[in-house]
C-alpha atoms as a PDB file:
ATOM      1  CA  MET A   1      -0.030  -0.049   0.028  1.00  0.00           C
ATOM      2  CA  ARG A   2       3.041   2.600   0.412  1.00  0.00           C
ATOM      3  CA  ILE A   3       3.566   2.415  -2.869  1.00  0.00           C
ATOM      4  CA  LEU A   4       0.182   2.929  -4.638  1.00  0.00           C
ATOM      5  CA  PHE A   5       0.225   5.966  -1.673  1.00  0.00           C
ATOM      6  CA  PHE A   6       3.165   7.623  -3.704  1.00  0.00           C
ATOM      7  CA  PHE A   7       2.290   6.381  -6.811  1.00  0.00           C
ATOM      8  CA  THR A   8      -0.906   7.702  -7.007  1.00  0.00           C
ATOM      9  CA  SER A   9      -0.989  10.729  -4.710  1.00  0.00           C
ATOM     10  CA  ILE A  10       2.373  12.866  -6.136  1.00  0.00           C
ATOM     11  CA  LEU A  11       4.001   9.588  -7.527  1.00  0.00           C
ATOM     12  CA  MET A  12       7.767  11.277  -6.504  1.00  0.00           C
ATOM     13  CA  ILE A  13       7.191  13.439  -4.182  1.00  0.00           C
ATOM     14  CA  ALA A  14      10.445  14.007  -2.175  1.00  0.00           C
ATOM     15  CA  SER A  15      10.132  15.122   1.279  1.00  0.00           C
ATOM     16  CA  CYS A  16       7.854  17.659   2.062  1.00  0.00           C
ATOM     17  CA  THR A  17       9.098  18.663   5.796  1.00  0.00           C
ATOM     18  CA  GLU A  18       9.654  22.301   6.859  1.00  0.00           C
ATOM     19  CA  SER A  19      13.260  21.901   7.803  1.00  0.00           C
ATOM     20  CA  ASN A  20      13.763  20.409   3.864  1.00  0.00           C
ATOM     21  CA  TYR A  21      11.214  24.107   2.475  1.00  0.00           C
ATOM     22  CA  ALA A  22      13.861  25.903   5.045  1.00  0.00           C
ATOM     23  CA  LYS A  23      16.738  25.296   3.104  1.00  0.00           C
ATOM     24  CA  TYR A  24      15.474  26.909   0.163  1.00  0.00           C
ATOM     25  CA  GLY A  25      14.004  30.296   1.538  1.00  0.00           C
ATOM     26  CA  PRO A  26      11.812  32.010   3.639  1.00  0.00           C
ATOM     27  CA  VAL A  27       8.586  30.875   5.874  1.00  0.00           C
ATOM     28  CA  TYR A  28       5.602  32.574   4.427  1.00  0.00           C
ATOM     29  CA  GLU A  29       4.213  35.507   6.834  1.00  0.00           C
ATOM     30  CA  LYS A  30       0.725  36.744   6.362  1.00  0.00           C
ATOM     31  CA  GLU A  31       1.162  40.276   7.127  1.00  0.00           C
ATOM     32  CA  GLU A  32       4.357  40.208   4.430  1.00  0.00           C
ATOM     33  CA  LEU A  33       1.900  39.060   1.629  1.00  0.00           C
ATOM     34  CA  SER A  34      -0.798  40.491   0.502  1.00  0.00           C
ATOM     35  CA  MET A  35      -4.170  38.965  -1.401  1.00  0.00           C
ATOM     36  CA  VAL A  36      -2.573  40.605  -4.959  1.00  0.00           C
ATOM     37  CA  PRO A  37       1.229  39.468  -5.821  1.00  0.00           C
ATOM     38  CA  ASP A  38       3.823  41.500  -6.416  1.00  0.00           C
ATOM     39  CA  TYR A  39       5.959  39.469  -8.557  1.00  0.00           C
ATOM     40  CA  SER A  40       8.965  42.054  -7.648  1.00  0.00           C
ATOM     41  CA  ASN A  41       9.661  40.607  -4.593  1.00  0.00           C
ATOM     42  CA  LEU A  42      11.111  37.165  -4.877  1.00  0.00           C
ATOM     43  CA  ASN A  43       8.897  35.023  -2.515  1.00  0.00           C
ATOM     44  CA  TYR A  44       6.531  35.049  -5.292  1.00  0.00           C
ATOM     45  CA  TRP A  45       8.144  33.257  -7.101  1.00  0.00           C
ATOM     46  CA  ALA A  46       8.496  29.089  -6.302  1.00  0.00           C
ATOM     47  CA  ALA A  47      11.597  29.094  -9.139  1.00  0.00           C
ATOM     48  CA  HIS A  48      13.395  32.368  -9.711  1.00  0.00           C
ATOM     49  CA  PRO A  49      17.305  32.319 -10.484  1.00  0.00           C
ATOM     50  CA  ASN A  50      17.985  35.101  -7.648  1.00  0.00           C
ATOM     51  CA  LYS A  51      16.613  32.291  -4.978  1.00  0.00           C
ATOM     52  CA  LYS A  52      17.674  29.052  -4.141  1.00  0.00           C
ATOM     53  CA  ASN A  53      15.000  26.671  -4.913  1.00  0.00           C
ATOM     54  CA  PRO A  54      14.067  22.938  -5.478  1.00  0.00           C
ATOM     55  CA  SER A  55      14.059  23.349  -9.409  1.00  0.00           C
ATOM     56  CA  ASP A  56      17.833  24.259  -9.054  1.00  0.00           C
ATOM     57  CA  SER A  57      18.194  20.563  -7.687  1.00  0.00           C
ATOM     58  CA  ILE A  58      20.214  17.820 -10.692  1.00  0.00           C
ATOM     59  CA  PRO A  59      19.686  13.906 -10.440  1.00  0.00           C
ATOM     60  CA  ASN A  60      22.306  11.801 -10.175  1.00  0.00           C
ATOM     61  CA  GLY A  61      23.483  10.124 -13.007  1.00  0.00           C
ATOM     62  CA  VAL A  62      22.066  12.275 -16.038  1.00  0.00           C
ATOM     63  CA  GLY A  63      25.044  14.405 -18.353  1.00  0.00           C
ATOM     64  CA  ASP A  64      26.046  17.433 -20.083  1.00  0.00           C
ATOM     65  CA  TYR A  65      23.697  16.525 -23.028  1.00  0.00           C
ATOM     66  CA  SER A  66      24.585  19.192 -25.351  1.00  0.00           C
ATOM     67  CA  ILE A  67      26.444  22.951 -25.941  1.00  0.00           C
ATOM     68  CA  ALA A  68      23.549  24.301 -25.241  1.00  0.00           C
ATOM     69  CA  ALA A  69      23.711  23.952 -21.179  1.00  0.00           C
ATOM     70  CA  LYS A  70      26.155  27.258 -22.013  1.00  0.00           C
ATOM     71  CA  LYS A  71      23.229  28.992 -23.879  1.00  0.00           C
ATOM     72  CA  SER A  72      20.775  31.688 -22.728  1.00  0.00           C
ATOM     73  CA  VAL A  73      17.283  30.435 -22.111  1.00  0.00           C
ATOM     74  CA  ASP A  74      14.797  31.525 -20.080  1.00  0.00           C
ATOM     75  CA  VAL A  75      11.905  29.138 -19.372  1.00  0.00           C
ATOM     76  CA  PHE A  76       8.557  30.318 -17.857  1.00  0.00           C
ATOM     77  CA  PHE A  77       7.316  27.235 -16.018  1.00  0.00           C
ATOM     78  CA  VAL A  78       3.483  26.883 -14.920  1.00  0.00           C
ATOM     79  CA  TYR A  79       3.039  24.410 -12.158  1.00  0.00           C
ATOM     80  CA  PRO A  80      -0.064  21.975 -12.042  1.00  0.00           C
ATOM     81  CA  THR A  81      -2.645  22.261  -9.104  1.00  0.00           C
ATOM     82  CA  SER A  82      -1.153  21.976  -5.771  1.00  0.00           C
ATOM     83  CA  TYR A  83      -4.190  23.111  -4.151  1.00  0.00           C
ATOM     84  CA  LEU A  84      -6.184  19.556  -3.875  1.00  0.00           C
ATOM     85  CA  ASP A  85      -8.218  19.865  -0.645  1.00  0.00           C
ATOM     86  CA  LYS A  86     -11.745  19.568  -1.973  1.00  0.00           C
ATOM     87  CA  THR A  87     -13.233  21.488   0.843  1.00  0.00           C
ATOM     88  CA  MET A  88     -11.532  24.742  -0.276  1.00  0.00           C
ATOM     89  CA  PRO A  89     -10.737  25.980   3.659  1.00  0.00           C
ATOM     90  CA  ALA A  90      -9.451  29.581   2.114  1.00  0.00           C
ATOM     91  CA  GLY A  91     -12.431  28.832  -0.808  1.00  0.00           C
ATOM     92  CA  TRP A  92     -12.053  28.583  -5.058  1.00  0.00           C
ATOM     93  CA  ASN A  93      -8.586  30.459  -4.972  1.00  0.00           C
ATOM     94  CA  ALA A  94      -5.384  28.827  -3.664  1.00  0.00           C
ATOM     95  CA  PRO A  95      -4.083  31.997  -0.670  1.00  0.00           C
ATOM     96  CA  LEU A  96      -0.254  32.551  -1.699  1.00  0.00           C
ATOM     97  CA  ASN A  97       0.475  32.304   1.724  1.00  0.00           C
ATOM     98  CA  ASP A  98      -0.258  29.064   2.992  1.00  0.00           C
ATOM     99  CA  HIS A  99       2.540  27.262   3.848  1.00  0.00           C
ATOM    100  CA  LYS A 100       1.260  23.814   3.392  1.00  0.00           C
ATOM    101  CA  ILE A 101       0.541  24.268  -0.343  1.00  0.00           C
ATOM    102  CA  ASN A 102       3.938  26.032  -1.248  1.00  0.00           C
ATOM    103  CA  VAL A 103       5.724  23.262   0.028  1.00  0.00           C
ATOM    104  CA  TYR A 104       3.882  20.428  -1.809  1.00  0.00           C
ATOM    105  CA  THR A 105       4.322  23.015  -4.995  1.00  0.00           C
ATOM    106  CA  ASP A 106       8.352  23.189  -4.454  1.00  0.00           C
ATOM    107  CA  PHE A 107       9.030  19.611  -3.661  1.00  0.00           C
ATOM    108  CA  SER A 108       6.686  17.688  -6.263  1.00  0.00           C
ATOM    109  CA  SER A 109       6.021  20.365  -9.405  1.00  0.00           C
ATOM    110  CA  ILE A 110       8.983  22.445  -8.713  1.00  0.00           C
ATOM    111  CA  LEU A 111      11.665  19.588  -7.921  1.00  0.00           C
ATOM    112  CA  TYR A 112      10.416  17.388 -10.577  1.00  0.00           C
ATOM    113  CA  GLN A 113       8.919  18.645 -13.223  1.00  0.00           C
ATOM    114  CA  ALA A 114      10.719  22.051 -13.062  1.00  0.00           C
ATOM    115  CA  SER A 115      13.992  21.327 -12.827  1.00  0.00           C
ATOM    116  CA  VAL A 116      14.289  18.763 -15.912  1.00  0.00           C
ATOM    117  CA  PHE A 117      14.798  22.036 -17.812  1.00  0.00           C
ATOM    118  CA  ASN A 118      17.367  23.735 -15.301  1.00  0.00           C
ATOM    119  CA  GLU A 119      20.225  21.931 -17.750  1.00  0.00           C
ATOM    120  CA  VAL A 120      19.285  24.557 -21.066  1.00  0.00           C
ATOM    121  CA  GLY A 121      18.563  27.513 -19.078  1.00  0.00           C
ATOM    122  CA  LYS A 122      16.959  29.854 -15.905  1.00  0.00           C
ATOM    123  CA  ILE A 123      14.067  29.132 -14.584  1.00  0.00           C
ATOM    124  CA  TYR A 124      11.259  31.005 -13.823  1.00  0.00           C
ATOM    125  CA  ALA A 125       7.635  29.728 -11.753  1.00  0.00           C
ATOM    126  CA  PRO A 126       5.552  32.008 -10.530  1.00  0.00           C
ATOM    127  CA  ARG A 127       3.314  31.553  -7.593  1.00  0.00           C
ATOM    128  CA  TYR A 128      -0.392  31.870  -8.857  1.00  0.00           C
ATOM    129  CA  ARG A 129      -4.247  31.848  -6.810  1.00  0.00           C
ATOM    130  CA  GLN A 130      -4.298  28.458  -8.634  1.00  0.00           C
ATOM    131  CA  ALA A 131      -7.449  27.311  -9.150  1.00  0.00           C
ATOM    132  CA  ASN A 132      -8.543  24.307  -6.552  1.00  0.00           C
ATOM    133  CA  ILE A 133      -8.641  20.890  -7.853  1.00  0.00           C
ATOM    134  CA  ASN A 134     -12.695  21.199  -7.216  1.00  0.00           C
ATOM    135  CA  ALA A 135     -12.743  23.903 -10.538  1.00  0.00           C
ATOM    136  CA  TYR A 136     -12.318  20.419 -12.983  1.00  0.00           C
ATOM    137  CA  TYR A 137     -15.645  19.182 -11.826  1.00  0.00           C
ATOM    138  CA  PRO A 138     -18.406  21.421 -10.804  1.00  0.00           C
ATOM    139  CA  ILE A 139     -21.481  19.906 -10.247  1.00  0.00           C
ATOM    140  CA  ASN A 140     -24.184  22.778 -10.880  1.00  0.00           C
ATOM    141  CA  ARG A 141     -24.426  26.274 -13.019  1.00  0.00           C
ATOM    142  CA  GLU A 142     -23.525  28.015  -9.276  1.00  0.00           C
ATOM    143  CA  ASP A 143     -20.461  26.254  -9.436  1.00  0.00           C
ATOM    144  CA  THR A 144     -19.960  26.258 -13.036  1.00  0.00           C
ATOM    145  CA  LEU A 145     -19.559  30.059 -12.474  1.00  0.00           C
ATOM    146  CA  LYS A 146     -17.670  29.932  -9.571  1.00  0.00           C
ATOM    147  CA  ALA A 147     -14.604  27.849 -11.496  1.00  0.00           C
ATOM    148  CA  LEU A 148     -14.768  29.606 -14.495  1.00  0.00           C
ATOM    149  CA  ALA A 149     -13.996  33.019 -11.896  1.00  0.00           C
ATOM    150  CA  ALA A 150     -11.426  31.075  -9.886  1.00  0.00           C
ATOM    151  CA  PHE A 151      -9.212  29.995 -13.484  1.00  0.00           C
ATOM    152  CA  GLU A 152      -9.802  33.488 -14.696  1.00  0.00           C
ATOM    153  CA  LEU A 153      -8.352  35.043 -11.244  1.00  0.00           C
ATOM    154  CA  ALA A 154      -5.914  32.044 -11.766  1.00  0.00           C
ATOM    155  CA  TYR A 155      -4.758  33.500 -15.191  1.00  0.00           C
ATOM    156  CA  THR A 156      -4.572  36.898 -14.073  1.00  0.00           C
ATOM    157  CA  ASP A 157      -1.539  35.918 -12.135  1.00  0.00           C
ATOM    158  CA  VAL A 158       0.305  34.004 -14.604  1.00  0.00           C
ATOM    159  CA  LYS A 159      -0.554  36.410 -17.427  1.00  0.00           C
ATOM    160  CA  ASN A 160       1.214  39.439 -14.968  1.00  0.00           C
ATOM    161  CA  ALA A 161       3.912  37.475 -13.828  1.00  0.00           C
ATOM    162  CA  PHE A 162       4.889  36.674 -17.558  1.00  0.00           C
ATOM    163  CA  ASP A 163       4.165  40.760 -17.757  1.00  0.00           C
ATOM    164  CA  TYR A 164       6.763  40.897 -15.131  1.00  0.00           C
ATOM    165  CA  PHE A 165       9.445  38.333 -16.231  1.00  0.00           C
ATOM    166  CA  LEU A 166       9.094  40.204 -19.632  1.00  0.00           C
ATOM    167  CA  GLN A 167       9.610  43.935 -18.380  1.00  0.00           C
ATOM    168  CA  ASN A 168      12.646  42.930 -15.854  1.00  0.00           C
ATOM    169  CA  ASN A 169      14.365  39.408 -16.237  1.00  0.00           C
ATOM    170  CA  ASN A 170      13.797  38.140 -20.129  1.00  0.00           C
ATOM    171  CA  ASN A 171      16.189  40.934 -21.766  1.00  0.00           C
ATOM    172  CA  GLY A 172      15.120  39.661 -25.585  1.00  0.00           C
ATOM    173  CA  ARG A 173      16.277  35.961 -24.753  1.00  0.00           C
ATOM    174  CA  PRO A 174      14.511  32.802 -26.484  1.00  0.00           C
ATOM    175  CA  ILE A 175      12.350  31.634 -24.462  1.00  0.00           C
ATOM    176  CA  ILE A 176      11.118  27.745 -23.326  1.00  0.00           C
ATOM    177  CA  ILE A 177       7.403  27.643 -21.992  1.00  0.00           C
ATOM    178  CA  ALA A 178       6.173  25.367 -19.769  1.00  0.00           C
ATOM    179  CA  SER A 179       3.475  23.196 -18.258  1.00  0.00           C
ATOM    180  CA  HIS A 180       1.595  20.805 -16.606  1.00  0.00           C
ATOM    181  CA  SER A 181      -2.622  20.549 -15.695  1.00  0.00           C
ATOM    182  CA  GLN A 182      -3.912  23.393 -14.873  1.00  0.00           C
ATOM    183  CA  GLY A 183      -0.737  24.812 -15.536  1.00  0.00           C
ATOM    184  CA  SER A 184      -1.358  23.665 -18.930  1.00  0.00           C
ATOM    185  CA  THR A 185      -4.992  25.823 -19.155  1.00  0.00           C
ATOM    186  CA  HIS A 186      -3.207  29.008 -18.662  1.00  0.00           C
ATOM    187  CA  ALA A 187      -0.065  28.115 -20.767  1.00  0.00           C
ATOM    188  CA  ILE A 188      -2.146  27.745 -23.630  1.00  0.00           C
ATOM    189  CA  ARG A 189      -3.405  31.244 -23.123  1.00  0.00           C
ATOM    190  CA  LEU A 190      -0.019  32.142 -22.567  1.00  0.00           C
ATOM    191  CA  LEU A 191       1.039  31.059 -26.264  1.00  0.00           C
ATOM    192  CA  LYS A 192      -2.041  32.558 -27.866  1.00  0.00           C
ATOM    193  CA  GLU A 193      -2.125  36.412 -26.395  1.00  0.00           C
ATOM    194  CA  TYR A 194       1.772  36.760 -26.664  1.00  0.00           C
ATOM    195  CA  PHE A 195       3.299  33.831 -29.012  1.00  0.00           C
ATOM    196  CA  ASP A 196       0.370  33.090 -31.742  1.00  0.00           C
ATOM    197  CA  GLY A 197       1.563  35.213 -34.548  1.00  0.00           C
ATOM    198  CA  LYS A 198       3.145  37.854 -32.850  1.00  0.00           C
ATOM    199  CA  PRO A 199       6.793  39.252 -32.319  1.00  0.00           C
ATOM    200  CA  LEU A 200       7.432  37.388 -29.659  1.00  0.00           C
ATOM    201  CA  GLY A 201       6.592  33.761 -31.407  1.00  0.00           C
ATOM    202  CA  LYS A 202      10.188  34.142 -32.639  1.00  0.00           C
ATOM    203  CA  LYS A 203      11.888  33.638 -29.399  1.00  0.00           C
ATOM    204  CA  LEU A 204       9.840  30.971 -28.507  1.00  0.00           C
ATOM    205  CA  VAL A 205      12.182  27.702 -28.583  1.00  0.00           C
ATOM    206  CA  ALA A 206       9.366  25.514 -27.776  1.00  0.00           C
ATOM    207  CA  ALA A 207       6.200  24.391 -25.508  1.00  0.00           C
ATOM    208  CA  TYR A 208       6.172  21.708 -23.624  1.00  0.00           C
ATOM    209  CA  ILE A 209       2.204  21.942 -22.543  1.00  0.00           C
ATOM    210  CA  VAL A 210       2.149  18.586 -20.585  1.00  0.00           C
ATOM    211  CA  GLY A 211      -0.871  17.038 -19.564  1.00  0.00           C
ATOM    212  CA  MET A 212      -3.767  18.570 -21.183  1.00  0.00           C
ATOM    213  CA  ALA A 213      -6.361  18.472 -24.215  1.00  0.00           C
ATOM    214  CA  ILE A 214      -5.245  21.147 -27.073  1.00  0.00           C
ATOM    215  CA  ASP A 215      -7.242  21.159 -29.700  1.00  0.00           C
ATOM    216  CA  PRO A 216      -4.657  21.691 -32.819  1.00  0.00           C
ATOM    217  CA  ALA A 217      -7.085  24.660 -34.049  1.00  0.00           C
ATOM    218  CA  THR A 218      -5.947  26.495 -30.794  1.00  0.00           C
ATOM    219  CA  PHE A 219      -2.947  28.150 -33.197  1.00  0.00           C
ATOM    220  CA  GLN A 220      -3.013  29.855 -35.892  1.00  0.00           C
ATOM    221  CA  ASN A 221       1.198  30.011 -36.276  1.00  0.00           C
ATOM    222  CA  ILE A 222       2.212  27.809 -33.747  1.00  0.00           C
ATOM    223  CA  LYS A 223       1.995  24.029 -35.265  1.00  0.00           C
ATOM    224  CA  PRO A 224       3.100  20.388 -33.431  1.00  0.00           C
ATOM    225  CA  CYS A 225       6.552  19.565 -32.699  1.00  0.00           C
ATOM    226  CA  GLU A 226       7.492  16.883 -35.912  1.00  0.00           C
ATOM    227  CA  GLN A 227      10.915  16.615 -35.547  1.00  0.00           C
ATOM    228  CA  PRO A 228      13.195  15.768 -32.539  1.00  0.00           C
ATOM    229  CA  ASN A 229      14.542  19.590 -33.261  1.00  0.00           C
ATOM    230  CA  GLU A 230      11.937  21.644 -34.529  1.00  0.00           C
ATOM    231  CA  THR A 231      11.617  25.027 -32.874  1.00  0.00           C
ATOM    232  CA  GLY A 232       9.142  26.974 -32.324  1.00  0.00           C
ATOM    233  CA  CYS A 233       6.605  24.347 -31.862  1.00  0.00           C
ATOM    234  CA  ILE A 234       4.746  22.760 -29.163  1.00  0.00           C
ATOM    235  CA  CYS A 235       5.083  19.243 -27.501  1.00  0.00           C
ATOM    236  CA  ALA A 236       2.071  17.826 -25.715  1.00  0.00           C
ATOM    237  CA  TRP A 237       0.825  14.355 -24.092  1.00  0.00           C
ATOM    238  CA  ARG A 238      -1.636  12.786 -21.678  1.00  0.00           C
ATOM    239  CA  THR A 239      -0.240   9.351 -20.421  1.00  0.00           C
ATOM    240  CA  PHE A 240      -2.863   6.033 -20.057  1.00  0.00           C
ATOM    241  CA  GLU A 241      -2.189   2.745 -19.839  1.00  0.00           C
ATOM    242  CA  LYS A 242      -2.016   1.070 -22.885  1.00  0.00           C
ATOM    243  CA  GLY A 243      -5.814  -0.134 -24.242  1.00  0.00           C
ATOM    244  CA  TYR A 244      -7.124   2.075 -22.017  1.00  0.00           C
ATOM    245  CA  ILE A 245      -9.193   5.752 -23.100  1.00  0.00           C
ATOM    246  CA  PRO A 246     -10.648   7.499 -20.097  1.00  0.00           C
ATOM    247  CA  PRO A 247     -15.107   8.045 -20.906  1.00  0.00           C
ATOM    248  CA  PHE A 248     -13.467  12.253 -20.769  1.00  0.00           C
ATOM    249  CA  VAL A 249     -11.230  11.259 -23.827  1.00  0.00           C
ATOM    250  CA  GLU A 250     -13.752   9.271 -25.799  1.00  0.00           C
ATOM    251  CA  LYS A 251     -16.283  12.672 -25.308  1.00  0.00           C
ATOM    252  CA  GLU A 252     -13.494  15.517 -27.046  1.00  0.00           C
ATOM    253  CA  ARG A 253     -14.546  16.257 -30.537  1.00  0.00           C
ATOM    254  CA  TYR A 254     -11.252  16.687 -31.442  1.00  0.00           C
ATOM    255  CA  ASN A 255      -7.834  13.970 -31.048  1.00  0.00           C
ATOM    256  CA  SER A 256      -5.581  16.785 -28.516  1.00  0.00           C
ATOM    257  CA  ILE A 257      -1.877  17.477 -30.163  1.00  0.00           C
ATOM    258  CA  VAL A 258      -0.023  14.162 -28.637  1.00  0.00           C
ATOM    259  CA  THR A 259       3.720  14.159 -29.203  1.00  0.00           C
ATOM    260  CA  ASN A 260       5.517  10.737 -28.584  1.00  0.00           C
ATOM    261  CA  PRO A 261       8.318  11.454 -25.429  1.00  0.00           C
ATOM    262  CA  LEU A 262      10.550   9.223 -27.024  1.00  0.00           C
ATOM    263  CA  SER A 263      11.357   9.422 -30.352  1.00  0.00           C
ATOM    264  CA  TRP A 264       9.798  13.394 -30.204  1.00  0.00           C
ATOM    265  CA  SER A 265       9.517  12.026 -34.582  1.00  0.00           C
ATOM    266  CA  LYS A 266       5.713  11.852 -36.196  1.00  0.00           C
ATOM    267  CA  GLU A 267       7.248   9.215 -38.254  1.00  0.00           C
ATOM    268  CA  ASN A 268       7.727   7.019 -35.007  1.00  0.00           C
ATOM    269  CA  PRO A 269       5.043   6.851 -33.084  1.00  0.00           C
ATOM    270  CA  GLU A 270       5.916   3.922 -30.538  1.00  0.00           C
ATOM    271  CA  VAL A 271       8.994   3.188 -28.621  1.00  0.00           C
ATOM    272  CA  GLY A 272       9.443   0.413 -26.338  1.00  0.00           C
ATOM    273  CA  ARG A 273      10.302   1.044 -23.113  1.00  0.00           C
ATOM    274  CA  ILE A 274      14.391  -0.559 -23.337  1.00  0.00           C
ATOM    275  CA  ASN A 275      14.285   3.240 -25.649  1.00  0.00           C
ATOM    276  CA  ASN A 276      13.843   4.921 -21.722  1.00  0.00           C
ATOM    277  CA  GLU A 277      17.007   5.994 -20.674  1.00  0.00           C
ATOM    278  CA  GLY A 278      15.468   7.264 -17.236  1.00  0.00           C
ATOM    279  CA  SER A 279      12.579   8.205 -14.756  1.00  0.00           C
ATOM    280  CA  LEU A 280      12.196   9.508 -11.614  1.00  0.00           C
ATOM    281  CA  LEU A 281       9.933   8.226  -9.288  1.00  0.00           C
ATOM    282  CA  TYR A 282      10.260   8.976  -5.424  1.00  0.00           C
ATOM    283  CA  ASN A 283      13.705   9.480  -5.538  1.00  0.00           C
ATOM    284  CA  PHE A 284      14.699  12.165  -6.959  1.00  0.00           C
ATOM    285  CA  ASP A 285      18.586  11.062  -7.217  1.00  0.00           C
ATOM    286  CA  LYS A 286      17.878   7.717  -8.332  1.00  0.00           C
ATOM    287  CA  LEU A 287      17.384   7.815 -12.236  1.00  0.00           C
ATOM    288  CA  ILE A 288      15.310   3.858 -13.440  1.00  0.00           C
ATOM    289  CA  PRO A 289      16.166   3.275 -17.071  1.00  0.00           C
ATOM    290  CA  ASN A 290      12.930   1.430 -19.117  1.00  0.00           C
ATOM    291  CA  VAL A 291       9.760   1.980 -16.744  1.00  0.00           C
ATOM    292  CA  ALA A 292       7.700   3.259 -19.651  1.00  0.00           C
ATOM    293  CA  GLY A 293       7.363   3.175 -23.077  1.00  0.00           C
ATOM    294  CA  ALA A 294       5.577   5.643 -25.428  1.00  0.00           C
ATOM    295  CA  ILE A 295       2.440   4.876 -28.095  1.00  0.00           C
ATOM    296  CA  ASN A 296       0.506   7.875 -29.670  1.00  0.00           C
ATOM    297  CA  HIS A 297      -2.706   6.700 -30.122  1.00  0.00           C
ATOM    298  CA  LYS A 298      -5.781   9.507 -31.346  1.00  0.00           C
ATOM    299  CA  GLY A 299      -4.364  11.945 -29.090  1.00  0.00           C
ATOM    300  CA  ILE A 300      -3.476  10.421 -26.199  1.00  0.00           C
ATOM    301  CA  LEU A 301      -0.114   8.723 -24.529  1.00  0.00           C
ATOM    302  CA  TRP A 302      -0.435   4.820 -23.560  1.00  0.00           C
ATOM    303  CA  THR A 303       2.430   2.865 -22.112  1.00  0.00           C
ATOM    304  CA  PRO A 304       2.107  -0.292 -21.403  1.00  0.00           C
ATOM    305  CA  LYS A 305       2.183  -0.570 -17.055  1.00  0.00           C
ATOM    306  CA  PRO A 306       4.891   1.193 -16.146  1.00  0.00           C
ATOM    307  CA  ARG A 307       7.750  -1.861 -14.975  1.00  0.00           C
ATOM    308  CA  PHE A 308       9.343  -0.885 -11.375  1.00  0.00           C
ATOM    309  CA  PHE A 309       9.483  -3.054  -8.084  1.00  0.00           C
ATOM    310  CA  GLY A 310       6.819  -2.636  -6.763  1.00  0.00           C
ATOM    311  CA  ASN A 311       3.978  -1.549  -9.454  1.00  0.00           C
ATOM    312  CA  VAL A 312       1.759  -4.729  -9.023  1.00  0.00           C
ATOM    313  CA  MET A 313       0.440  -2.290  -6.204  1.00  0.00           C
ATOM    314  CA  ILE A 314      -0.643   0.149  -8.867  1.00  0.00           C
ATOM    315  CA  ARG A 315      -4.256   0.158  -9.754  1.00  0.00           C
ATOM    316  CA  THR A 316      -4.242   3.285 -11.217  1.00  0.00           C
ATOM    317  CA  GLN A 317      -5.336   3.568 -15.794  1.00  0.00           C
ATOM    318  CA  ASN A 318      -4.285   7.328 -15.813  1.00  0.00           C
ATOM    319  CA  TYR A 319      -0.689   8.169 -15.110  1.00  0.00           C
ATOM    320  CA  HIS A 320      -1.551  12.023 -15.399  1.00  0.00           C
ATOM    321  CA  ILE A 321       0.776  12.683 -12.164  1.00  0.00           C
ATOM    322  CA  ALA A 322       3.689  10.937 -13.787  1.00  0.00           C
ATOM    323  CA  ASP A 323       3.925  12.926 -17.225  1.00  0.00           C
ATOM    324  CA  PHE A 324       6.613  14.226 -16.674  1.00  0.00           C
ATOM    325  CA  ASN A 325       8.637  11.795 -14.563  1.00  0.00           C
ATOM    326  CA  LEU A 326       7.971   8.896 -16.791  1.00  0.00           C
ATOM    327  CA  TYR A 327      10.162  10.809 -19.425  1.00  0.00           C
ATOM    328  CA  TYR A 328      12.708  12.932 -17.268  1.00  0.00           C
ATOM    329  CA  VAL A 329      15.467  12.133 -19.069  1.00  0.00           C
ATOM    330  CA  SER A 330      14.458  11.933 -22.451  1.00  0.00           C
ATOM    331  CA  ILE A 331      12.702  15.419 -21.941  1.00  0.00           C
ATOM    332  CA  ARG A 332      15.909  16.983 -20.313  1.00  0.00           C
ATOM    333  CA  LYS A 333      17.517  15.684 -23.327  1.00  0.00           C
ATOM    334  CA  ASN A 334      15.330  17.201 -26.298  1.00  0.00           C
ATOM    335  CA  ALA A 335      15.533  20.342 -24.343  1.00  0.00           C
ATOM    336  CA  ALA A 336      18.885  20.541 -25.059  1.00  0.00           C
ATOM    337  CA  LEU A 337      18.918  19.473 -28.257  1.00  0.00           C
ATOM    338  CA  ARG A 338      16.254  22.336 -29.377  1.00  0.00           C
ATOM    339  CA  VAL A 339      17.962  25.246 -27.516  1.00  0.00           C
ATOM    340  CA  GLY A 340      21.322  24.264 -29.671  1.00  0.00           C
ATOM    341  CA  GLN A 341      19.395  23.463 -32.734  1.00  0.00           C
ATOM    342  CA  PHE A 342      17.701  27.530 -31.808  1.00  0.00           C
ATOM    343  CA  PHE A 343      21.001  28.689 -31.473  1.00  0.00           C
ATOM    344  CA  GLU A 344      22.590  26.972 -34.521  1.00  0.00           C
ATOM    345  CA  PRO A 345      21.748  29.571 -37.412  1.00  0.00           C
ATOM    346  CA  MET A 346      23.184  32.366 -35.022  1.00  0.00           C
ATOM    347  CA  GLU A 347      26.203  30.622 -35.467  1.00  0.00           C
ATOM    348  CA  HIS A 348      26.383  30.390 -39.414  1.00  0.00           C
END
């Protein structure tokens, strides 16, 4: 049951303790933080190059995959839902000074997802008033309206953070946009508003928008990535056990953008687990090879049941929580490849 717990609740979380968090930054004080985030204050960033944070972590065994590591790229990462208490003690949106939520965020998605990009650039991940998990499952019209308002407020924070980042931190450097789950809900809007057919689109190395369905018709100019070294494009996937199609996917009116996170190629939609160099499970410093394969299937990604010690306890067929972690090394290498390709024309 212990293995089932860590897989289904946060498949790869490190130890979220007060002492662990204290190593990375100040504890949030109620009087210090107002409701509206001030992104000139580093406490409003879960990850920022000017503060020590879990996204700086590098697991044992990863290599320097490319000269891209020496290039100047910024990564703007929007983390997934960590306001998971369905009783919604703070209402529909998470407060920014909730220490428990922030610790959970930092030692789950910031550590195990955002860190995948720390070889290729500086990572910026704003804290935002995220919508509660219930916002994805409204039960009546009143709740639907409140949920929509919650997502709008959350996006307002993400947008304001991105504006601040552009005006004060970016200085014209190329950008990777990366996100997961609720973060992808907001990142899709960010791409549409700031990059699609806009001058900033020329600065987009790639977008890794993971864990949410994306209608291919959403963007006019940003296309799905079809080759491993393509730039200015979008990568996306949602991971399920091979053979399983969730009911909500069956109801979708389009086939979502899906990128194979092992081959990264439209021409190679099925890759066996033997070609997966490393996944991160509950121990950040232990890369495990050959855990998961990758099969593109009608808008979703399939893998045979992940193979690691204790996987017999896994009952879920939805591997949403592990979208990044199952393909950690592959994503890390691919980001380096795309950054290198982005700079290559400038060097000739």
